[in-house]
Amino acid sequence: MYDDGCKIYSVRPSQCKTFPFWKSNLENGAEWEKLKSTCPGIGKGRLHILNDIENYLKPDLSDL
């Protein structure tokens, strides 16, 4: 599903859509920093505030 980019982006599962904003990644700064060391996209682009993240996650969380 991933080969120099996501090959199923338009139909990717919720787990992919909500990454990296998973609770385990947001619990503390150390977890976020650890994740940054393995994911080249973290820390790039616009800054997301908590309210934006919560609103972004709502559609996927309502299915649980």
C-alpha atoms as a PDB file:
ATOM      1  CA  MET A   1       0.000   0.000   0.000  1.00  0.00           C
ATOM      2  CA  TYR A   2       3.010   2.274   0.337  1.00  0.00           C
ATOM      3  CA  ASP A   3       5.640   2.599  -2.355  1.00  0.00           C
ATOM      4  CA  ASP A   4       7.215   6.045  -2.545  1.00  0.00           C
ATOM      5  CA  GLY A   5       3.882   7.397  -1.278  1.00  0.00           C
ATOM      6  CA  CYS A   6       0.480   6.057  -0.310  1.00  0.00           C
ATOM      7  CA  LYS A   7      -1.109   4.052  -3.112  1.00  0.00           C
ATOM      8  CA  ILE A   8      -4.572   3.930  -1.475  1.00  0.00           C
ATOM      9  CA  TYR A   9      -4.766   7.477  -0.112  1.00  0.00           C
ATOM     10  CA  SER A  10      -8.373   8.140  -1.144  1.00  0.00           C
ATOM     11  CA  VAL A  11      -9.609   4.925   0.515  1.00  0.00           C
ATOM     12  CA  ARG A  12      -7.147   4.607   3.396  1.00  0.00           C
ATOM     13  CA  PRO A  13      -8.437   3.194   6.702  1.00  0.00           C
ATOM     14  CA  SER A  14      -9.221   5.362   9.747  1.00  0.00           C
ATOM     15  CA  GLN A  15      -5.985   4.347  11.428  1.00  0.00           C
ATOM     16  CA  CYS A  16      -4.065   5.921   8.551  1.00  0.00           C
ATOM     17  CA  LYS A  17      -6.337   8.967   8.285  1.00  0.00           C
ATOM     18  CA  THR A  18      -5.863   9.895  11.929  1.00  0.00           C
ATOM     19  CA  PHE A  19      -2.100   9.303  12.134  1.00  0.00           C
ATOM     20  CA  PRO A  20      -0.152  10.805  13.902  1.00  0.00           C
ATOM     21  CA  PHE A  21      -2.924  12.168  16.117  1.00  0.00           C
ATOM     22  CA  TRP A  22      -3.396   8.942  18.071  1.00  0.00           C
ATOM     23  CA  LYS A  23      -3.872   9.228  21.836  1.00  0.00           C
ATOM     24  CA  SER A  24      -0.687   7.254  22.482  1.00  0.00           C
ATOM     25  CA  ASN A  25       1.303   9.759  20.413  1.00  0.00           C
ATOM     26  CA  LEU A  26      -0.254  12.794  22.108  1.00  0.00           C
ATOM     27  CA  GLU A  27       0.027  11.681  25.748  1.00  0.00           C
ATOM     28  CA  ASN A  28       3.245  13.557  26.359  1.00  0.00           C
ATOM     29  CA  GLY A  29       5.999  15.432  24.619  1.00  0.00           C
ATOM     30  CA  ALA A  30       8.467  12.563  24.898  1.00  0.00           C
ATOM     31  CA  GLU A  31       6.210  10.243  22.871  1.00  0.00           C
ATOM     32  CA  TRP A  32       5.772  12.912  20.205  1.00  0.00           C
ATOM     33  CA  GLU A  33       9.531  13.502  20.016  1.00  0.00           C
ATOM     34  CA  LYS A  34      10.169   9.761  19.734  1.00  0.00           C
ATOM     35  CA  LEU A  35       7.662   9.556  16.896  1.00  0.00           C
ATOM     36  CA  LYS A  36       9.314  12.524  15.143  1.00  0.00           C
ATOM     37  CA  SER A  37      12.530  10.536  14.960  1.00  0.00           C
ATOM     38  CA  THR A  38      10.826   7.802  12.923  1.00  0.00           C
ATOM     39  CA  CYS A  39       8.356   9.775  10.797  1.00  0.00           C
ATOM     40  CA  PRO A  40       9.832  12.360   8.434  1.00  0.00           C
ATOM     41  CA  GLY A  41       6.509  14.214   8.064  1.00  0.00           C
ATOM     42  CA  ILE A  42       6.067  15.126  11.721  1.00  0.00           C
ATOM     43  CA  GLY A  43       7.033  18.691  12.482  1.00  0.00           C
ATOM     44  CA  LYS A  44       6.518  19.753   8.865  1.00  0.00           C
ATOM     45  CA  GLY A  45       3.679  21.814   7.475  1.00  0.00           C
ATOM     46  CA  ARG A  46       1.182  23.837   9.452  1.00  0.00           C
ATOM     47  CA  LEU A  47       0.807  23.626  13.217  1.00  0.00           C
ATOM     48  CA  HIS A  48      -2.415  21.911  14.322  1.00  0.00           C
ATOM     49  CA  ILE A  49      -4.029  23.202  17.506  1.00  0.00           C
ATOM     50  CA  LEU A  50      -5.850  20.816  19.865  1.00  0.00           C
ATOM     51  CA  ASN A  51      -9.320  22.004  18.829  1.00  0.00           C
ATOM     52  CA  ASP A  52      -8.501  21.326  15.164  1.00  0.00           C
ATOM     53  CA  ILE A  53      -7.195  17.849  16.006  1.00  0.00           C
ATOM     54  CA  GLU A  54     -10.314  16.999  18.024  1.00  0.00           C
ATOM     55  CA  ASN A  55     -12.578  18.158  15.188  1.00  0.00           C
ATOM     56  CA  TYR A  56     -10.506  16.232  12.671  1.00  0.00           C
ATOM     57  CA  LEU A  57     -10.827  13.030  14.704  1.00  0.00           C
ATOM     58  CA  LYS A  58     -14.575  13.280  15.434  1.00  0.00           C
ATOM     59  CA  PRO A  59     -15.850  11.562  12.266  1.00  0.00           C
ATOM     60  CA  ASP A  60     -13.587   8.565  12.787  1.00  0.00           C
ATOM     61  CA  LEU A  61     -14.211   8.320  16.535  1.00  0.00           C
ATOM     62  CA  SER A  62     -17.987   8.357  16.055  1.00  0.00           C
ATOM     63  CA  ASP A  63     -17.715   4.988  14.297  1.00  0.00           C
ATOM     64  CA  LEU A  64     -16.266   3.326  17.423  1.00  0.00           C
END
